[in-house]
Amino acid sequence: MHILQKTLCLLLVSALALSAGKPNSKSNLYITQGRTDKTEDNRIILAGPGSSVTFSYKGSQCTINAQSLNNYNQYDYIAIEVDGKYMGKEKVNIKPDNVSINIPSSENDIHKVTVYKATEAGNGSIIFSGAEGNIVKTKKEKGKKKIEFIGDSITCGMGNETEEIPCGTGEWFDQHNAYFAYGPVTSRTLNADFVLSSVSGIGIYRNWNDEHEKEKIMPDVYENIYLNNSDKTVPYKFGFNPDITCIALGTNDFSDGDGKKERLPFNTDKYVKSYVNFIKTVYSHSPNTQIVLLTSPMVKGEKAKIFANCLKRIQAAYKDDKKHKPVQVFEFSDITPHGCGYHPDIKDHQEMANELAPFLKSLLNE
């Protein structure tokens, strides 16, 4: 279906209006993907970056009911895709909002909509309270490959969308769009489903500006749906069973921090040990997955050499493992980032996906 025109507008609606079309009354009409949860009344919670809900409607108009649970009492963002075409990123407020989608078409035309969480888990969740309109059952594609991407702010897509709101203006997450991060872009190239398990600033044995003293590292939060630092964790139900699990952790371990707080020299043994143990955790939930360790195009010079050598040590630690597929290492080419805060922008993420996709395709076709 050729999309001739699209209109996305935010309108304030009452809590009563949100009760219509809730997922609990038509749960078979909504397909979730990624790190999602449910409220007590069965509404869908988009928790992790890139998490999504997909539904279909018949006709030319439908309305998405959504609400932000932003941790900073502000707002959040969703990215909307209709019939496989990106329609834009929309702000969702802490008060109940709706997003209306109008596609000029025949009343008999069926459109497929996917709503993605554009921001990351640390911003707070987004509640999807259903859609208004002639909602019909979505035909789910069978046999699609699955990829999980575990990483940091780069994997989240932080600071990548800079055209509408330039870097240094607005809120720190205004330029954030997980839809255009290298993982989702790679997955769409390969027609694969994906899950992002990523947190800005996080590392495998220490974080961007913390030596694992006050902040939790990825091995601490990975098994929590919300990937947060709270002591009250909600266990993540690992039912995705990815064919490939890409792990991109190290950029923050190698970081010098903010230059103000004391930063210890990078410890290769701590890094390798923590990484090896974390892979065991991944295997405990996805025993049939193919692990791929990724370098970072943001880590350069001597650090990049140490990074690659560490990943090869981790790979070697599993060389005699007969229970799982051989651990792979993929090295990105250097990229000069054009996004905010020395992060890749959308074009940089596309370059990363262009490099990674053929490598993953070769593994998927084995």
Protein backbone atom coordinates (compact mmCIF):
# COMPACT_ATOMS: atom_id res chain seq x y z
CA MET A 1 0.00 0.00 0.00
CA HIS A 2 1.44 3.34 -1.06
CA ILE A 3 1.16 5.86 1.75
CA LEU A 4 0.05 9.10 0.11
CA GLN A 5 -0.19 11.18 3.22
CA LYS A 6 0.21 10.81 6.95
CA THR A 7 -1.03 12.88 9.86
CA LEU A 8 0.22 12.34 13.38
CA CYS A 9 -1.24 14.58 16.06
CA LEU A 10 -1.33 14.48 19.84
CA LEU A 11 -4.62 15.15 21.59
CA LEU A 12 -5.35 15.09 25.30
CA VAL A 13 -7.95 12.49 26.21
CA SER A 14 -9.60 11.46 29.43
CA ALA A 15 -8.95 8.30 31.39
CA LEU A 16 -12.44 7.17 30.43
CA ALA A 17 -11.56 7.31 26.76
CA LEU A 18 -8.55 5.11 27.38
CA SER A 19 -10.77 2.31 28.63
CA ALA A 20 -12.04 1.59 25.13
CA GLY A 21 -10.05 -0.87 23.05
CA LYS A 22 -7.71 -1.92 25.85
CA PRO A 23 -5.45 -4.89 25.16
CA ASN A 24 -7.14 -6.88 27.94
CA SER A 25 -10.38 -7.01 25.97
CA LYS A 26 -8.73 -7.76 22.62
CA SER A 27 -5.40 -9.21 23.68
CA ASN A 28 -5.09 -11.45 20.62
CA LEU A 29 -5.05 -8.34 18.44
CA TYR A 30 -1.78 -6.98 19.84
CA ILE A 31 1.66 -8.53 19.26
CA THR A 32 4.48 -7.43 21.54
CA GLN A 33 8.23 -7.66 21.00
CA GLY A 34 11.21 -6.78 23.13
CA ARG A 35 11.29 -6.05 26.85
CA THR A 36 7.62 -5.52 27.64
CA ASP A 37 5.48 -5.93 30.74
CA LYS A 38 1.80 -5.59 31.66
CA THR A 39 -0.11 -3.47 34.13
CA GLU A 40 -2.51 -5.02 36.62
CA ASP A 41 -5.39 -4.33 34.23
CA ASN A 42 -3.44 -5.96 31.38
CA ARG A 43 -2.33 -2.87 29.48
CA ILE A 44 0.98 -3.23 27.67
CA ILE A 45 4.11 -1.63 29.10
CA LEU A 46 6.92 -0.80 26.68
CA ALA A 47 9.93 -1.01 29.00
CA GLY A 48 13.15 -1.50 27.06
CA PRO A 49 14.45 0.59 24.16
CA GLY A 50 12.98 -0.53 20.85
CA SER A 51 10.29 -2.61 22.56
CA SER A 52 7.12 -2.57 20.51
CA VAL A 53 3.49 -3.46 20.03
CA THR A 54 2.04 -4.32 16.61
CA PHE A 55 -1.59 -4.30 15.53
CA SER A 56 -3.62 -3.91 12.34
CA TYR A 57 -6.64 -1.79 11.49
CA LYS A 58 -9.07 -1.69 8.60
CA GLY A 59 -9.95 1.60 6.96
CA SER A 60 -8.26 4.99 6.90
CA GLN A 61 -7.99 6.05 10.53
CA CYS A 62 -7.06 4.75 13.96
CA THR A 63 -5.95 6.22 17.28
CA ILE A 64 -3.17 4.97 19.56
CA ASN A 65 -3.71 5.46 23.29
CA ALA A 66 -0.45 5.89 25.18
CA GLN A 67 0.94 7.42 28.35
CA SER A 68 4.47 8.08 29.59
CA LEU A 69 5.72 6.99 32.99
CA ASN A 70 8.79 9.17 32.59
CA ASN A 71 11.15 8.96 35.55
CA TYR A 72 11.80 12.71 35.37
CA ASN A 73 8.13 13.75 35.29
CA GLN A 74 8.54 14.91 31.70
CA TYR A 75 7.66 13.05 28.50
CA ASP A 76 8.80 10.17 26.35
CA TYR A 77 8.93 9.27 22.67
CA ILE A 78 7.46 6.60 20.44
CA ALA A 79 8.44 5.83 16.86
CA ILE A 80 5.64 4.76 14.54
CA GLU A 81 5.82 2.46 11.54
CA VAL A 82 2.87 1.84 9.21
CA ASP A 83 2.97 -0.87 6.55
CA GLY A 84 6.73 -1.13 6.97
CA LYS A 85 7.27 2.61 6.45
CA TYR A 86 8.63 4.93 9.13
CA MET A 87 6.06 7.61 9.95
CA GLY A 88 7.91 9.66 12.54
CA LYS A 89 8.72 10.05 16.21
CA GLU A 90 6.04 11.42 18.50
CA LYS A 91 6.12 12.82 22.01
CA VAL A 92 4.04 11.05 24.66
CA ASN A 93 3.22 12.96 27.84
CA ILE A 94 2.74 11.79 31.41
CA LYS A 95 -0.95 12.60 31.07
CA PRO A 96 -2.91 10.19 28.84
CA ASP A 97 -2.46 11.09 25.18
CA ASN A 98 -3.58 9.70 21.89
CA VAL A 99 -1.83 9.65 18.55
CA SER A 100 -4.14 9.67 15.54
CA ILE A 101 -3.02 8.04 12.32
CA ASN A 102 -4.81 8.96 9.11
CA ILE A 103 -3.93 7.12 5.90
CA PRO A 104 -6.01 7.99 2.81
CA SER A 105 -7.21 4.60 1.60
CA SER A 106 -10.21 2.43 0.92
CA GLU A 107 -12.34 1.38 3.87
CA ASN A 108 -11.41 -2.20 2.96
CA ASP A 109 -7.64 -1.60 3.16
CA ILE A 110 -5.81 -3.12 6.13
CA HIS A 111 -2.81 -1.34 7.59
CA LYS A 112 -0.20 -2.80 9.94
CA VAL A 113 1.07 -0.49 12.69
CA THR A 114 4.05 -0.96 14.99
CA VAL A 115 4.65 1.39 17.90
CA TYR A 116 8.24 1.38 19.22
CA LYS A 117 9.67 2.87 22.39
CA ALA A 118 12.17 5.33 20.96
CA THR A 119 13.79 6.18 24.30
CA GLU A 120 15.49 3.81 26.70
CA ALA A 121 14.48 2.03 29.88
CA GLY A 122 16.08 4.69 32.08
CA ASN A 123 13.61 7.30 30.83
CA GLY A 124 10.71 5.32 32.25
CA SER A 125 8.15 3.12 30.57
CA ILE A 126 5.36 3.85 28.12
CA ILE A 127 1.91 2.37 28.69
CA PHE A 128 0.05 1.32 25.56
CA SER A 129 -3.66 1.26 26.41
CA GLY A 130 -4.93 -0.05 23.10
CA ALA A 131 -6.03 1.42 19.79
CA GLU A 132 -9.32 2.93 18.64
CA GLY A 133 -10.75 2.04 15.26
CA ASN A 134 -11.59 -1.09 13.30
CA ILE A 135 -8.79 -3.18 14.83
CA VAL A 136 -8.32 -6.56 13.16
CA LYS A 137 -6.06 -9.53 13.79
CA THR A 138 -2.51 -9.21 12.50
CA LYS A 139 -1.04 -11.99 10.41
CA LYS A 140 2.19 -12.86 12.16
CA GLU A 141 5.10 -13.80 9.93
CA LYS A 142 6.38 -17.29 10.60
CA GLY A 143 9.94 -18.50 10.46
CA LYS A 144 11.59 -15.11 11.04
CA LYS A 145 15.07 -15.16 12.53
CA LYS A 146 15.64 -13.49 15.90
CA ILE A 147 18.51 -11.33 17.12
CA GLU A 148 19.20 -9.86 20.55
CA PHE A 149 21.51 -6.87 20.93
CA ILE A 150 23.05 -6.34 24.36
CA GLY A 151 24.89 -3.07 24.79
CA ASP A 152 25.14 0.53 25.98
CA SER A 153 24.05 3.95 24.72
CA ILE A 154 25.21 3.22 21.18
CA THR A 155 22.96 0.16 21.05
CA CYS A 156 20.13 2.30 22.50
CA GLY A 157 20.44 4.86 19.71
CA MET A 158 21.20 7.72 22.08
CA GLY A 159 21.91 11.09 20.45
CA ASN A 160 21.39 9.79 16.92
CA GLU A 161 18.52 11.97 15.63
CA THR A 162 19.87 15.51 15.39
CA GLU A 163 18.05 17.25 12.53
CA GLU A 164 14.84 18.42 14.24
CA ILE A 165 16.34 19.15 17.67
CA PRO A 166 20.06 19.98 17.46
CA CYS A 167 22.52 18.65 20.01
CA GLY A 168 22.77 20.79 23.11
CA THR A 169 19.15 21.92 22.93
CA GLY A 170 16.06 20.48 24.61
CA GLU A 171 16.32 17.53 26.96
CA TRP A 172 19.18 15.01 26.81
CA PHE A 173 16.89 12.34 25.35
CA ASP A 174 15.23 14.50 22.65
CA GLN A 175 17.71 13.19 20.05
CA HIS A 176 17.22 9.58 21.13
CA ASN A 177 15.64 7.13 18.66
CA ALA A 178 16.14 3.40 19.12
CA TYR A 179 14.33 2.75 15.84
CA PHE A 180 17.41 3.97 13.95
CA ALA A 181 20.04 2.28 16.13
CA TYR A 182 22.32 -0.17 14.28
CA GLY A 183 20.60 -3.23 15.82
CA PRO A 184 17.07 -2.53 14.61
CA VAL A 185 18.42 -1.31 11.25
CA THR A 186 20.41 -4.52 10.86
CA SER A 187 17.38 -6.59 11.85
CA ARG A 188 15.13 -4.90 9.31
CA THR A 189 17.77 -5.49 6.64
CA LEU A 190 17.73 -9.20 7.50
CA ASN A 191 13.93 -9.31 8.03
CA ALA A 192 14.58 -10.51 11.58
CA ASP A 193 12.83 -9.80 14.86
CA PHE A 194 14.95 -8.12 17.53
CA VAL A 195 15.28 -7.31 21.20
CA LEU A 196 17.44 -4.53 22.63
CA SER A 197 18.89 -5.14 26.09
CA SER A 198 20.87 -1.94 26.40
CA VAL A 199 21.52 0.86 28.89
CA SER A 200 23.39 4.13 28.41
CA GLY A 201 26.65 4.38 30.30
CA ILE A 202 26.74 0.71 31.26
CA GLY A 203 29.65 -1.67 31.02
CA ILE A 204 30.58 -5.28 31.68
CA TYR A 205 32.73 -4.71 34.80
CA ARG A 206 32.44 -0.95 35.35
CA ASN A 207 30.40 1.92 33.93
CA TRP A 208 31.19 5.21 32.20
CA ASN A 209 31.97 7.12 35.39
CA ASP A 210 31.69 4.49 38.11
CA GLU A 211 33.98 1.64 39.16
CA HIS A 212 30.98 -0.57 40.00
CA GLU A 213 30.67 1.13 43.36
CA LYS A 214 27.32 2.94 43.24
CA GLU A 215 25.95 1.83 39.89
CA LYS A 216 25.04 -1.61 38.61
CA ILE A 217 26.69 -3.10 35.54
CA MET A 218 25.00 -5.11 32.78
CA PRO A 219 25.40 -8.50 34.55
CA ASP A 220 23.46 -6.97 37.47
CA VAL A 221 20.45 -5.73 35.48
CA TYR A 222 20.22 -8.05 32.48
CA GLU A 223 17.70 -10.41 34.08
CA ASN A 224 15.42 -7.51 35.04
CA ILE A 225 12.77 -6.44 32.51
CA TYR A 226 13.36 -2.78 33.25
CA LEU A 227 17.17 -2.96 33.17
CA ASN A 228 17.23 -0.57 36.11
CA ASN A 229 19.23 -0.02 39.27
CA SER A 230 16.30 -0.60 41.59
CA ASP A 231 16.55 -3.26 44.25
CA LYS A 232 12.95 -4.17 43.41
CA THR A 233 13.54 -5.98 40.16
CA VAL A 234 10.94 -7.59 37.92
CA PRO A 235 12.32 -10.81 36.40
CA TYR A 236 12.46 -10.83 32.62
CA LYS A 237 10.84 -13.89 31.08
CA PHE A 238 13.41 -15.05 28.55
CA GLY A 239 11.15 -16.50 25.87
CA PHE A 240 12.58 -14.77 22.82
CA ASN A 241 15.22 -17.47 22.13
CA PRO A 242 17.37 -15.49 19.68
CA ASP A 243 19.24 -17.22 16.88
CA ILE A 244 22.04 -14.70 17.42
CA THR A 245 22.99 -12.64 20.47
CA CYS A 246 25.25 -9.67 19.73
CA ILE A 247 27.03 -8.27 22.78
CA ALA A 248 28.53 -4.78 22.48
CA LEU A 249 29.95 -3.93 25.89
CA GLY A 250 33.26 -2.21 26.45
CA THR A 251 32.94 1.39 25.31
CA ASN A 252 32.18 2.48 28.87
CA ASP A 253 34.66 0.08 30.47
CA PHE A 254 37.38 1.72 28.37
CA SER A 255 36.11 5.24 29.01
CA ASP A 256 38.14 7.73 31.06
CA GLY A 257 34.92 8.98 32.67
CA ASP A 258 34.22 12.65 33.14
CA GLY A 259 37.85 13.49 33.92
CA LYS A 260 36.88 14.73 37.38
CA LYS A 261 36.13 11.57 39.30
CA GLU A 262 39.07 9.25 39.94
CA ARG A 263 39.29 6.59 37.24
CA LEU A 264 41.38 3.46 37.67
CA PRO A 265 43.41 2.08 34.74
CA PHE A 266 41.50 -0.36 32.55
CA ASN A 267 41.79 -3.87 34.01
CA THR A 268 41.90 -6.48 31.24
CA ASP A 269 41.55 -9.43 33.63
CA LYS A 270 38.47 -7.99 35.33
CA TYR A 271 36.94 -7.21 31.95
CA VAL A 272 37.54 -10.68 30.55
CA LYS A 273 36.41 -12.49 33.70
CA SER A 274 33.17 -10.53 33.99
CA TYR A 275 32.45 -11.00 30.27
CA VAL A 276 33.08 -14.76 30.38
CA ASN A 277 30.73 -15.11 33.34
CA PHE A 278 28.08 -12.95 31.68
CA ILE A 279 28.06 -15.18 28.63
CA LYS A 280 27.22 -18.06 30.97
CA THR A 281 24.16 -16.08 32.07
CA VAL A 282 23.14 -15.50 28.46
CA TYR A 283 23.50 -19.21 27.70
CA SER A 284 21.39 -20.11 30.75
CA HIS A 285 18.44 -18.35 29.11
CA SER A 286 19.25 -18.91 25.42
CA PRO A 287 21.29 -22.12 25.15
CA ASN A 288 20.94 -22.39 21.38
CA THR A 289 21.96 -18.85 20.53
CA GLN A 290 25.02 -17.87 18.51
CA ILE A 291 27.08 -15.37 20.52
CA VAL A 292 28.76 -12.56 18.57
CA LEU A 293 31.08 -10.20 20.44
CA LEU A 294 31.23 -6.72 18.92
CA THR A 295 33.96 -4.11 19.14
CA SER A 296 33.06 -0.42 19.20
CA PRO A 297 33.73 2.07 16.40
CA MET A 298 33.96 4.70 19.15
CA VAL A 299 37.00 3.06 20.81
CA LYS A 300 40.14 3.87 18.85
CA GLY A 301 43.92 3.72 18.86
CA GLU A 302 45.69 1.59 21.46
CA LYS A 303 42.44 1.06 23.36
CA ALA A 304 40.89 -0.49 20.25
CA LYS A 305 43.75 -2.99 20.04
CA ILE A 306 43.37 -3.94 23.70
CA PHE A 307 39.59 -4.19 23.20
CA ALA A 308 39.94 -6.60 20.27
CA ASN A 309 42.51 -8.69 22.14
CA CYS A 310 40.20 -8.95 25.15
CA LEU A 311 37.35 -10.20 22.97
CA LYS A 312 39.65 -12.80 21.46
CA ARG A 313 40.61 -13.95 24.98
CA ILE A 314 36.91 -14.29 25.80
CA GLN A 315 36.37 -16.19 22.56
CA ALA A 316 39.28 -18.50 23.42
CA ALA A 317 37.77 -19.20 26.85
CA TYR A 318 34.92 -20.98 25.04
CA LYS A 319 36.96 -22.74 22.35
CA ASP A 320 36.43 -26.15 23.97
CA ASP A 321 32.73 -25.60 24.63
CA LYS A 322 30.86 -28.35 22.83
CA LYS A 323 27.41 -27.44 24.14
CA HIS A 324 27.07 -24.18 22.24
CA LYS A 325 27.88 -22.69 18.87
CA PRO A 326 31.38 -21.19 18.60
CA VAL A 327 31.64 -17.66 19.95
CA GLN A 328 32.30 -15.18 17.14
CA VAL A 329 34.08 -11.80 17.18
CA PHE A 330 33.12 -8.96 14.84
CA GLU A 331 35.24 -5.81 14.52
CA PHE A 332 33.65 -2.59 13.31
CA SER A 333 35.59 -0.11 11.22
CA ASP A 334 36.43 3.23 12.81
CA ILE A 335 33.67 5.82 12.60
CA THR A 336 33.88 9.48 13.44
CA PRO A 337 30.56 9.97 15.27
CA HIS A 338 28.29 12.82 14.18
CA GLY A 339 25.60 12.49 16.85
CA CYS A 340 25.32 14.12 20.25
CA GLY A 341 27.91 13.52 22.95
CA TYR A 342 30.29 11.60 20.70
CA HIS A 343 27.56 9.14 19.72
CA PRO A 344 26.78 7.90 16.20
CA ASP A 345 24.02 9.68 14.30
CA ILE A 346 21.50 7.92 12.08
CA LYS A 347 23.89 7.78 9.11
CA ASP A 348 26.66 6.39 11.31
CA HIS A 349 24.30 3.69 12.61
CA GLN A 350 23.43 2.84 9.01
CA GLU A 351 27.13 2.40 8.25
CA MET A 352 27.47 0.08 11.23
CA ALA A 353 24.45 -1.92 10.06
CA ASN A 354 25.88 -2.12 6.54
CA GLU A 355 28.99 -3.76 7.97
CA LEU A 356 27.28 -6.03 10.48
CA ALA A 357 24.33 -7.31 8.41
CA PRO A 358 26.34 -9.42 5.91
CA PHE A 359 28.28 -11.04 8.75
CA LEU A 360 25.13 -11.96 10.67
CA LYS A 361 23.44 -13.13 7.47
CA SER A 362 26.27 -15.59 6.87
CA LEU A 363 25.76 -17.00 10.39
CA LEU A 364 22.00 -17.22 9.98
CA ASN A 365 22.36 -19.09 6.70
CA GLU A 366 24.75 -21.72 8.07
